[in-house]
Protein backbone atom coordinates (compact mmCIF):
# COMPACT_ATOMS: atom_id res chain seq x y z
CA UNK A 1 11.29 3.39 90.92
CA UNK A 2 13.56 1.33 89.15
CA UNK A 3 12.09 -0.02 85.84
CA UNK A 4 10.47 -3.55 86.54
CA UNK A 5 12.41 -6.48 85.29
CA UNK A 6 10.06 -9.19 85.73
CA UNK A 7 6.24 -8.86 84.72
CA UNK A 8 3.54 -11.28 85.74
CA UNK A 9 1.36 -10.92 82.55
CA UNK A 10 -2.33 -12.00 82.60
CA UNK A 11 -3.67 -13.79 79.41
CA UNK A 12 -6.82 -14.94 78.03
CA UNK A 13 -8.59 -17.60 79.20
CA UNK A 14 -9.97 -18.66 76.02
CA UNK A 15 -11.13 -16.32 73.62
CA UNK A 16 -7.91 -14.54 72.26
CA UNK A 17 -9.48 -11.11 72.07
CA UNK A 18 -9.64 -10.72 75.75
CA UNK A 19 -5.81 -9.36 76.30
CA UNK A 20 -4.97 -5.87 77.36
CA UNK A 21 -2.92 -3.58 75.13
CA UNK A 22 -0.38 -3.14 78.04
CA UNK A 23 -0.40 -6.94 78.09
CA UNK A 24 0.75 -7.09 74.54
CA UNK A 25 3.05 -3.93 74.84
CA UNK A 26 4.73 -6.09 77.64
CA UNK A 27 5.25 -9.25 75.92
CA UNK A 28 6.35 -7.47 72.62
CA UNK A 29 9.11 -5.62 74.80
CA UNK A 30 10.64 -8.22 77.18
CA UNK A 31 13.61 -10.31 76.32
CA UNK A 32 11.90 -13.54 77.14
CA UNK A 33 9.02 -15.17 78.38
CA UNK A 34 8.29 -17.83 80.94
CA UNK A 35 5.11 -20.07 80.59
CA UNK A 36 3.59 -23.30 81.47
CA UNK A 37 3.37 -24.86 77.88
CA UNK A 38 5.42 -23.26 74.95
CA UNK A 39 3.01 -24.72 72.48
CA UNK A 40 -0.38 -23.03 74.42
CA UNK A 41 1.65 -19.39 74.81
CA UNK A 42 2.99 -19.67 70.94
CA UNK A 43 -0.59 -19.84 69.93
CA UNK A 44 -1.21 -16.56 71.50
CA UNK A 45 2.02 -14.88 70.19
CA UNK A 46 1.41 -16.24 66.86
CA UNK A 47 -2.02 -14.28 67.00
CA UNK A 48 -0.40 -11.17 67.79
CA UNK A 49 2.75 -11.72 65.48
CA UNK A 50 5.02 -11.66 68.83
CA UNK A 51 8.40 -13.49 68.57
CA UNK A 52 10.13 -14.10 71.63
CA UNK A 53 12.25 -16.77 73.58
CA UNK A 54 9.95 -19.30 75.31
CA UNK A 55 11.02 -20.76 78.57
CA UNK A 56 8.75 -23.92 79.53
CA UNK A 57 8.12 -22.88 83.50
CA UNK A 58 6.01 -25.31 85.35
CA UNK A 59 4.96 -26.82 88.40
CA UNK A 60 7.89 -29.86 87.49
CA UNK A 61 10.49 -27.36 86.48
CA UNK A 62 9.93 -24.29 88.79
CA UNK A 63 12.46 -24.98 91.44
CA UNK A 64 15.50 -25.83 89.22
CA UNK A 65 14.99 -23.14 87.10
CA UNK A 66 14.73 -20.27 89.30
CA UNK A 67 18.28 -19.75 89.84
CA UNK A 68 18.71 -19.33 86.33
CA UNK A 69 15.91 -16.53 85.58
CA UNK A 70 17.46 -14.78 88.61
CA UNK A 71 20.76 -14.86 87.30
CA UNK A 72 19.22 -13.34 83.52
CA UNK A 73 17.27 -10.61 85.67
CA UNK A 74 20.14 -9.59 87.58
CA UNK A 75 21.93 -8.93 84.41
CA UNK A 76 19.51 -6.60 83.11
CA UNK A 77 17.27 -9.03 81.34
CA UNK A 78 13.79 -8.34 81.54
CA UNK A 79 11.22 -10.92 81.83
CA UNK A 80 7.16 -11.97 81.47
CA UNK A 81 5.78 -14.83 83.68
CA UNK A 82 2.22 -16.14 81.82
CA UNK A 83 -0.14 -19.02 82.79
CA UNK A 84 -1.72 -21.15 79.95
CA UNK A 85 -4.86 -19.08 80.68
CA UNK A 86 -5.78 -16.31 82.85
CA UNK A 87 -3.84 -14.64 85.74
CA UNK A 88 -0.56 -16.42 87.03
CA UNK A 89 -0.21 -17.36 90.19
CA UNK A 90 -3.89 -18.58 90.90
CA UNK A 91 -3.62 -22.23 91.19
CA UNK A 92 -0.27 -21.66 88.75
CA UNK A 93 3.27 -21.89 89.58
CA UNK A 94 5.41 -18.67 90.17
CA UNK A 95 4.80 -17.68 93.57
CA UNK A 96 8.29 -18.63 94.72
CA UNK A 97 9.82 -16.88 91.71
CA UNK A 98 8.37 -13.68 92.73
CA UNK A 99 9.26 -14.19 96.41
CA UNK A 100 12.63 -14.78 95.56
CA UNK A 101 12.74 -11.86 93.07
CA UNK A 102 11.47 -9.29 95.61
CA UNK A 103 13.97 -10.55 98.01
CA UNK A 104 16.96 -10.22 96.17
CA UNK A 105 15.67 -6.55 95.18
CA UNK A 106 14.32 -7.00 91.74
CA UNK A 107 11.25 -5.07 90.62
CA UNK A 108 7.91 -7.06 89.99
CA UNK A 109 5.11 -5.38 88.33
CA UNK A 110 2.05 -7.10 87.75
CA UNK A 111 -0.20 -6.44 84.68
CA UNK A 112 -3.81 -7.41 85.00
CA UNK A 113 -6.17 -8.90 82.78
CA UNK A 114 -8.59 -12.12 82.53
CA UNK A 115 -9.11 -14.27 85.57
CA UNK A 116 -11.57 -17.29 85.57
CA UNK A 117 -12.36 -17.11 88.99
CA UNK A 118 -13.43 -13.42 88.74
CA UNK A 119 -15.30 -13.55 85.56
CA UNK A 120 -17.51 -16.79 86.97
CA UNK A 121 -18.16 -14.76 90.16
CA UNK A 122 -19.34 -11.77 88.64
CA UNK A 123 -21.74 -13.78 86.46
CA UNK A 124 -22.86 -16.11 89.09
CA UNK A 125 -25.47 -13.95 90.82
CA UNK A 126 -24.19 -14.79 94.04
CA UNK A 127 -22.59 -12.42 96.72
CA UNK A 128 -19.66 -10.63 95.53
CA UNK A 129 -19.04 -8.50 98.75
CA UNK A 130 -16.81 -11.47 100.56
CA UNK A 131 -15.76 -14.64 99.01
CA UNK A 132 -13.19 -17.23 99.47
CA UNK A 133 -10.85 -18.88 96.27
CA UNK A 134 -9.81 -22.20 97.41
CA UNK A 135 -8.57 -22.91 93.87
CA UNK A 136 -8.47 -26.88 93.10
CA UNK A 137 -9.19 -28.81 96.80
CA UNK A 138 -6.92 -31.69 97.83
CA UNK A 139 -7.54 -34.78 95.70
CA UNK A 140 -7.33 -37.47 98.40
CA UNK A 141 -5.70 -36.58 102.03
CA UNK A 142 -7.51 -33.81 103.41
CA UNK A 143 -10.34 -33.41 100.73
CA UNK A 144 -13.16 -34.48 103.25
CA UNK A 145 -11.74 -32.02 106.21
CA UNK A 146 -11.91 -29.21 103.59
CA UNK A 147 -15.33 -30.10 102.25
CA UNK A 148 -16.72 -30.07 105.89
CA UNK A 149 -14.85 -26.85 106.48
CA UNK A 150 -16.45 -25.26 103.42
CA UNK A 151 -19.97 -26.60 104.12
CA UNK A 152 -19.81 -23.86 107.35
CA UNK A 153 -18.29 -21.21 105.18
CA UNK A 154 -20.45 -17.89 105.38
CA UNK A 155 -18.52 -16.51 102.22
CA UNK A 156 -19.39 -17.31 98.55
CA UNK A 157 -16.77 -20.21 97.53
CA UNK A 158 -14.62 -20.48 94.59
CA UNK A 159 -13.30 -23.55 93.29
CA UNK A 160 -11.54 -25.00 90.12
CA UNK A 161 -12.19 -28.57 89.00
CA UNK A 162 -11.06 -30.82 86.10
CA UNK A 163 -13.31 -32.43 83.52
CA UNK A 164 -12.12 -35.49 85.03
CA UNK A 165 -13.58 -34.88 88.76
CA UNK A 166 -16.42 -32.56 88.29
CA UNK A 167 -19.21 -35.31 88.48
CA UNK A 168 -16.98 -36.54 91.47
CA UNK A 169 -17.36 -33.03 93.30
CA UNK A 170 -20.97 -32.43 92.37
CA UNK A 171 -21.76 -36.03 94.27
CA UNK A 172 -19.72 -34.74 97.43
CA UNK A 173 -21.57 -31.53 97.44
CA UNK A 174 -24.65 -33.38 97.59
CA UNK A 175 -23.33 -35.08 100.85
CA UNK A 176 -21.97 -31.96 102.55
CA UNK A 177 -24.14 -29.20 101.24
CA UNK A 178 -27.17 -30.16 99.57
CA UNK A 179 -29.21 -27.33 100.05
CA UNK A 180 -26.55 -24.94 98.79
CA UNK A 181 -26.91 -22.83 95.63
CA UNK A 182 -24.31 -23.91 92.91
CA UNK A 183 -23.27 -22.37 90.12
CA UNK A 184 -20.84 -24.14 87.48
CA UNK A 185 -19.16 -22.16 84.55
CA UNK A 186 -17.62 -24.32 81.92
CA UNK A 187 -15.12 -23.39 79.14
CA UNK A 188 -15.47 -19.38 80.12
CA UNK A 189 -15.41 -16.94 76.96
CA UNK A 190 -15.01 -19.75 74.51
CA UNK A 191 -17.40 -20.99 71.81
CA UNK A 192 -19.22 -23.87 73.94
CA UNK A 193 -19.44 -21.43 77.35
CA UNK A 194 -21.97 -22.81 79.58
CA UNK A 195 -23.54 -21.89 83.14
CA UNK A 196 -25.17 -24.55 85.21
CA UNK A 197 -27.31 -23.20 88.20
CA UNK A 198 -29.32 -25.27 90.69
CA UNK A 199 -28.83 -27.56 94.05
CA UNK A 200 -25.96 -30.12 94.12
CA UNK A 201 -28.73 -33.22 93.30
CA UNK A 202 -30.22 -30.99 90.43
CA UNK A 203 -26.85 -30.35 88.57
CA UNK A 204 -26.38 -34.22 88.77
CA UNK A 205 -29.55 -34.92 87.55
CA UNK A 206 -29.01 -32.81 84.63
CA UNK A 207 -25.34 -34.36 83.65
CA UNK A 208 -26.47 -36.77 81.31
CA UNK A 209 -27.57 -33.75 78.90
CA UNK A 210 -24.40 -31.86 79.58
CA UNK A 211 -21.12 -31.69 77.87
CA UNK A 212 -18.48 -32.93 80.47
CA UNK A 213 -15.42 -31.18 78.72
CA UNK A 214 -12.97 -28.42 79.71
CA UNK A 215 -12.16 -26.24 82.47
CA UNK A 216 -14.91 -25.71 85.18
CA UNK A 217 -15.47 -23.11 88.01
CA UNK A 218 -17.64 -24.00 90.69
CA UNK A 219 -19.21 -21.18 92.60
CA UNK A 220 -20.82 -22.21 96.29
CA UNK A 221 -23.26 -19.82 97.84
CA UNK A 222 -22.50 -18.61 101.38
CA UNK A 223 -23.94 -20.97 104.14
CA UNK A 224 -26.90 -18.16 104.98
CA UNK A 225 -27.66 -17.58 101.14
CA UNK A 226 -31.13 -18.43 99.93
CA UNK A 227 -31.52 -18.55 96.16
CA UNK A 228 -34.05 -16.25 94.90
C-alpha cells in the first residue's frame, strides 16, 4: 500500500498529556495541518514544540477549501486533519474531505486517540454493549421528533450539549423520559471535571449547586434499563 497522504489525528479533549506518541510523530512529519481553530491547535503544538503550517478548516470554510487541500495532496504533500479536541469527524467537520480524498485514490489513515463520547460512556456505568451516538440533536426543526425517538431507544444514547443548552435539554428529558437514568459528564479530563448521575428531575434540582460551564456529554440509559 502507498504511504498515507492524509491523516485523521485524534488530539486531547482537555489534558494535553492525553495524546499518543504516534499522534505526535504524525504531526511532526506532515507538511501541513488542517484544524478548526489555529489558536486552539497552536496551544497543543507549542506544548510539544511542533512547528507546522496551520490552515483553518471549519464548518464554514470546509467546502471551498477542499479543492486546494486535494490539489496539494495530489502533488505529494502530506496533511493531518485535527479537531479542537478529540477524534475528528465526530460532530466536527471533515467527512466530505475524507470522502473526496478516497474517491481520488488518496491514502487516508486514522491515528486513534481520545474521544469525549467514549470516555464518558466508559465511566457512565450504563450498558456499553450496544449504543448510539447522536452528537448534537437539532436545535429547532426536528428536535421534538428526535427526543420522541430517543425515548423509545433500547440502546444507550450518547449526546453532546453546550453550556447554553444543557439546562434546556435536561428539562426536555424530564418530559420525554422522566424515569430514565442519566449521566452528565462535564469538562472531561480537565481540572474541574464533574460527573452527575440521576433521573432528569434530580439533575435539574441539583443544577443551582453546579457549575454550568464547558462542554457536556449526556449519556441516557436504554429504555429497558433499571438503575441499581
